[in-house]
């Protein structure tokens, strides 16, 4: 198991990105949370197997579609945490 913090920059608010991330997390067995940030980015903490996290990040880099644009994804390793699902926060 591995846990990461992910910061996503671009046109990622107001385009369904948090719901897209939640759905992708569920499809890739990832637990954690996603939240909009005041600077227009989206932050999340995600935990799962290395291969599931790699696949999850690959999906995030593409974004939910036409109205979104992902310019940059920054990942940082963090300690493992307790979670049972992937939640959408504010």
N, C-alpha and C. Protein backbone atom coordinates (compact mmCIF):
# COMPACT_ATOMS: atom_id res chain seq x y z
N UNK A 1 0.84 -1.19 0.00
CA UNK A 1 0.00 0.00 0.00
C UNK A 1 0.88 1.24 0.00
N UNK A 2 0.37 2.26 -0.65
CA UNK A 2 1.07 3.53 -0.75
C UNK A 2 0.03 4.65 -0.66
N UNK A 3 0.43 5.79 -0.09
CA UNK A 3 -0.46 6.95 -0.01
C UNK A 3 0.26 8.15 -0.62
N UNK A 4 -0.52 8.95 -1.36
CA UNK A 4 0.04 10.15 -1.99
C UNK A 4 -0.92 11.32 -1.83
N UNK A 5 -0.35 12.52 -1.86
CA UNK A 5 -1.14 13.73 -1.98
C UNK A 5 -0.99 14.19 -3.42
N UNK A 6 -2.09 14.60 -4.02
CA UNK A 6 -2.08 14.97 -5.44
C UNK A 6 -2.66 16.37 -5.57
N UNK A 7 -1.93 17.25 -6.26
CA UNK A 7 -2.41 18.59 -6.58
C UNK A 7 -2.57 18.66 -8.09
N UNK A 8 -3.79 19.03 -8.53
CA UNK A 8 -4.09 19.09 -9.96
C UNK A 8 -4.38 20.54 -10.32
N UNK A 9 -3.68 21.03 -11.34
CA UNK A 9 -3.81 22.42 -11.78
C UNK A 9 -4.32 22.47 -13.21
N UNK A 10 -5.05 23.52 -13.52
CA UNK A 10 -5.61 23.72 -14.85
C UNK A 10 -7.04 24.19 -14.69
N UNK A 11 -7.88 23.88 -15.66
CA UNK A 11 -9.31 24.17 -15.56
C UNK A 11 -9.97 22.94 -14.95
N UNK A 12 -9.96 22.89 -13.60
CA UNK A 12 -10.40 21.69 -12.89
C UNK A 12 -11.49 21.97 -11.85
N UNK A 13 -12.01 23.18 -11.82
CA UNK A 13 -13.15 23.49 -10.95
C UNK A 13 -14.32 23.93 -11.81
N UNK A 14 -15.51 23.51 -11.40
CA UNK A 14 -16.72 23.84 -12.14
C UNK A 14 -16.92 22.98 -13.38
N UNK A 15 -16.18 21.89 -13.49
CA UNK A 15 -16.26 21.01 -14.66
C UNK A 15 -16.51 19.56 -14.27
N UNK A 16 -16.87 19.31 -13.01
CA UNK A 16 -17.15 17.95 -12.55
C UNK A 16 -15.90 17.15 -12.22
N UNK A 17 -14.78 17.83 -11.98
CA UNK A 17 -13.54 17.09 -11.75
C UNK A 17 -13.57 16.27 -10.48
N UNK A 18 -14.15 16.80 -9.39
CA UNK A 18 -14.18 16.02 -8.14
C UNK A 18 -14.99 14.74 -8.31
N UNK A 19 -16.11 14.82 -9.01
CA UNK A 19 -16.94 13.63 -9.23
C UNK A 19 -16.21 12.65 -10.15
N UNK A 20 -15.53 13.19 -11.15
CA UNK A 20 -14.72 12.37 -12.05
C UNK A 20 -13.63 11.64 -11.26
N UNK A 21 -12.95 12.35 -10.36
CA UNK A 21 -11.89 11.75 -9.55
C UNK A 21 -12.47 10.67 -8.63
N UNK A 22 -13.63 10.94 -8.05
CA UNK A 22 -14.26 9.96 -7.17
C UNK A 22 -14.61 8.68 -7.94
N UNK A 23 -15.17 8.84 -9.12
CA UNK A 23 -15.54 7.68 -9.93
C UNK A 23 -14.29 6.89 -10.34
N UNK A 24 -13.22 7.62 -10.75
CA UNK A 24 -11.97 6.96 -11.14
C UNK A 24 -11.36 6.23 -9.95
N UNK A 25 -11.43 6.83 -8.76
CA UNK A 25 -10.89 6.20 -7.55
C UNK A 25 -11.64 4.89 -7.27
N UNK A 26 -12.95 4.94 -7.37
CA UNK A 26 -13.75 3.74 -7.11
C UNK A 26 -13.41 2.64 -8.11
N UNK A 27 -13.19 3.00 -9.37
CA UNK A 27 -12.88 2.02 -10.41
C UNK A 27 -11.49 1.42 -10.23
N UNK A 28 -10.60 2.13 -9.50
CA UNK A 28 -9.22 1.68 -9.34
C UNK A 28 -8.89 1.29 -7.90
N UNK A 29 -9.91 1.07 -7.08
CA UNK A 29 -9.72 0.61 -5.69
C UNK A 29 -8.89 1.57 -4.86
N UNK A 30 -9.13 2.87 -5.04
CA UNK A 30 -8.41 3.91 -4.31
C UNK A 30 -9.33 4.48 -3.24
N UNK A 31 -8.79 4.71 -2.05
CA UNK A 31 -9.53 5.38 -0.98
C UNK A 31 -8.86 6.73 -0.71
N UNK A 32 -9.63 7.65 -0.12
CA UNK A 32 -9.09 8.97 0.22
C UNK A 32 -10.15 10.04 0.07
N UNK A 33 -9.74 11.20 -0.45
CA UNK A 33 -10.67 12.32 -0.61
C UNK A 33 -10.15 13.28 -1.67
N UNK A 34 -11.07 14.13 -2.15
CA UNK A 34 -10.75 15.17 -3.13
C UNK A 34 -11.46 16.45 -2.72
N UNK A 35 -10.80 17.60 -2.95
CA UNK A 35 -11.37 18.88 -2.52
C UNK A 35 -10.89 20.01 -3.44
N UNK A 36 -11.79 20.97 -3.71
CA UNK A 36 -11.40 22.19 -4.40
C UNK A 36 -10.55 23.05 -3.49
N UNK A 37 -9.61 23.78 -4.06
CA UNK A 37 -8.76 24.70 -3.31
C UNK A 37 -9.06 26.13 -3.74
N UNK A 38 -8.74 27.09 -2.89
CA UNK A 38 -9.07 28.49 -3.18
C UNK A 38 -8.28 29.04 -4.37
N UNK A 39 -7.16 28.43 -4.73
CA UNK A 39 -6.38 28.92 -5.87
C UNK A 39 -6.85 28.36 -7.21
N UNK A 40 -7.97 27.61 -7.22
CA UNK A 40 -8.52 27.05 -8.44
C UNK A 40 -8.04 25.64 -8.75
N UNK A 41 -7.17 25.11 -7.92
CA UNK A 41 -6.68 23.75 -8.12
C UNK A 41 -7.57 22.76 -7.36
N UNK A 42 -7.27 21.50 -7.53
CA UNK A 42 -7.94 20.43 -6.80
C UNK A 42 -6.87 19.64 -6.07
N UNK A 43 -7.12 19.34 -4.79
CA UNK A 43 -6.18 18.57 -3.98
C UNK A 43 -6.86 17.28 -3.57
N UNK A 44 -6.07 16.21 -3.51
CA UNK A 44 -6.61 14.96 -3.01
C UNK A 44 -5.54 14.18 -2.29
N UNK A 45 -5.99 13.30 -1.43
CA UNK A 45 -5.14 12.29 -0.84
C UNK A 45 -5.70 10.96 -1.29
N UNK A 46 -4.81 10.11 -1.79
CA UNK A 46 -5.22 8.84 -2.37
C UNK A 46 -4.33 7.73 -1.85
N UNK A 47 -4.95 6.59 -1.60
CA UNK A 47 -4.21 5.44 -1.06
C UNK A 47 -4.66 4.17 -1.78
N UNK A 48 -3.69 3.35 -2.14
CA UNK A 48 -3.98 2.08 -2.80
C UNK A 48 -2.68 1.39 -3.16
N UNK A 49 -2.78 0.35 -3.97
CA UNK A 49 -1.56 -0.34 -4.42
C UNK A 49 -0.84 0.56 -5.42
N UNK A 50 0.45 0.33 -5.58
CA UNK A 50 1.24 1.13 -6.52
C UNK A 50 0.64 1.08 -7.92
N UNK A 51 0.27 -0.10 -8.38
CA UNK A 51 -0.27 -0.21 -9.75
C UNK A 51 -1.62 0.49 -9.87
N UNK A 52 -2.48 0.38 -8.85
CA UNK A 52 -3.77 1.08 -8.90
C UNK A 52 -3.57 2.59 -8.87
N UNK A 53 -2.63 3.07 -8.07
CA UNK A 53 -2.35 4.52 -8.03
C UNK A 53 -1.82 5.01 -9.37
N UNK A 54 -0.96 4.23 -10.00
CA UNK A 54 -0.42 4.61 -11.31
C UNK A 54 -1.55 4.73 -12.33
N UNK A 55 -2.45 3.75 -12.35
CA UNK A 55 -3.58 3.79 -13.28
C UNK A 55 -4.51 4.96 -12.97
N UNK A 56 -4.76 5.21 -11.69
CA UNK A 56 -5.61 6.32 -11.25
C UNK A 56 -5.02 7.66 -11.71
N UNK A 57 -3.73 7.85 -11.50
CA UNK A 57 -3.08 9.10 -11.92
C UNK A 57 -3.13 9.28 -13.43
N UNK A 58 -3.01 8.20 -14.16
CA UNK A 58 -3.09 8.27 -15.62
C UNK A 58 -4.45 8.80 -16.06
N UNK A 59 -5.51 8.35 -15.41
CA UNK A 59 -6.85 8.82 -15.72
C UNK A 59 -7.00 10.30 -15.33
N UNK A 60 -6.51 10.67 -14.16
CA UNK A 60 -6.61 12.06 -13.71
C UNK A 60 -5.93 13.02 -14.67
N UNK A 61 -4.79 12.63 -15.21
CA UNK A 61 -4.05 13.51 -16.11
C UNK A 61 -4.83 13.83 -17.39
N UNK A 62 -5.76 12.98 -17.76
CA UNK A 62 -6.59 13.23 -18.94
C UNK A 62 -7.78 14.13 -18.62
N UNK A 63 -8.27 14.10 -17.39
CA UNK A 63 -9.41 14.91 -17.00
C UNK A 63 -10.72 14.34 -17.48
N UNK A 64 -11.83 14.96 -17.04
CA UNK A 64 -13.15 14.43 -17.34
C UNK A 64 -13.67 14.70 -18.74
N UNK A 65 -12.99 15.51 -19.52
CA UNK A 65 -13.48 15.70 -20.88
C UNK A 65 -13.34 17.10 -21.41
N UNK A 66 -14.22 17.42 -22.32
CA UNK A 66 -14.15 18.63 -23.13
C UNK A 66 -13.99 19.93 -22.35
N UNK A 67 -14.72 20.08 -21.27
CA UNK A 67 -14.73 21.35 -20.55
C UNK A 67 -13.57 21.51 -19.57
N UNK A 68 -12.83 20.48 -19.32
CA UNK A 68 -11.74 20.55 -18.36
C UNK A 68 -10.40 20.61 -19.10
N UNK A 69 -9.38 21.02 -18.35
CA UNK A 69 -8.02 21.01 -18.87
C UNK A 69 -7.07 20.78 -17.70
N UNK A 70 -6.29 19.73 -17.77
CA UNK A 70 -5.30 19.45 -16.74
C UNK A 70 -3.94 19.92 -17.26
N UNK A 71 -3.38 20.92 -16.58
CA UNK A 71 -2.07 21.46 -16.98
C UNK A 71 -0.92 20.79 -16.25
N UNK A 72 -1.14 20.44 -14.98
CA UNK A 72 -0.04 19.91 -14.17
C UNK A 72 -0.61 19.06 -13.04
N UNK A 73 0.04 17.95 -12.76
CA UNK A 73 -0.31 17.08 -11.63
C UNK A 73 0.97 16.89 -10.81
N UNK A 74 0.91 17.27 -9.54
CA UNK A 74 2.06 17.11 -8.64
C UNK A 74 1.69 16.09 -7.58
N UNK A 75 2.52 15.09 -7.40
CA UNK A 75 2.28 14.07 -6.38
C UNK A 75 3.38 14.09 -5.34
N UNK A 76 2.98 13.84 -4.10
CA UNK A 76 3.90 13.79 -2.97
C UNK A 76 3.56 12.56 -2.14
N UNK A 77 4.54 11.78 -1.77
CA UNK A 77 4.30 10.64 -0.89
C UNK A 77 3.94 11.13 0.50
N UNK A 78 2.96 10.49 1.12
CA UNK A 78 2.53 10.82 2.48
C UNK A 78 2.37 9.52 3.27
N UNK A 79 2.25 9.61 4.60
CA UNK A 79 2.03 8.40 5.40
C UNK A 79 0.66 7.77 5.09
N UNK A 80 0.57 6.47 5.27
CA UNK A 80 -0.71 5.78 5.11
C UNK A 80 -1.73 6.36 6.09
N UNK A 81 -3.00 6.32 5.71
CA UNK A 81 -4.06 6.89 6.54
C UNK A 81 -5.26 5.96 6.55
N UNK A 82 -6.19 6.23 7.44
CA UNK A 82 -7.41 5.42 7.56
C UNK A 82 -8.50 5.99 6.65
N UNK A 83 -9.05 5.16 5.78
CA UNK A 83 -10.18 5.55 4.93
C UNK A 83 -10.86 4.30 4.41
N UNK A 84 -12.16 4.39 4.22
CA UNK A 84 -12.93 3.26 3.69
C UNK A 84 -13.48 3.51 2.29
N UNK A 85 -13.45 4.79 1.86
CA UNK A 85 -14.00 5.14 0.56
C UNK A 85 -13.24 6.35 0.02
N UNK A 86 -13.72 6.91 -1.07
CA UNK A 86 -13.12 8.11 -1.63
C UNK A 86 -14.17 9.20 -1.59
N UNK A 87 -13.97 10.19 -0.73
CA UNK A 87 -14.99 11.19 -0.43
C UNK A 87 -14.73 12.50 -1.19
N UNK A 88 -15.81 13.17 -1.51
CA UNK A 88 -15.73 14.53 -2.05
C UNK A 88 -15.90 15.49 -0.90
N UNK A 89 -14.92 16.37 -0.75
CA UNK A 89 -14.98 17.42 0.28
C UNK A 89 -15.18 18.76 -0.42
N UNK A 90 -15.43 19.80 0.37
CA UNK A 90 -15.68 21.16 -0.14
C UNK A 90 -14.92 21.60 -1.32
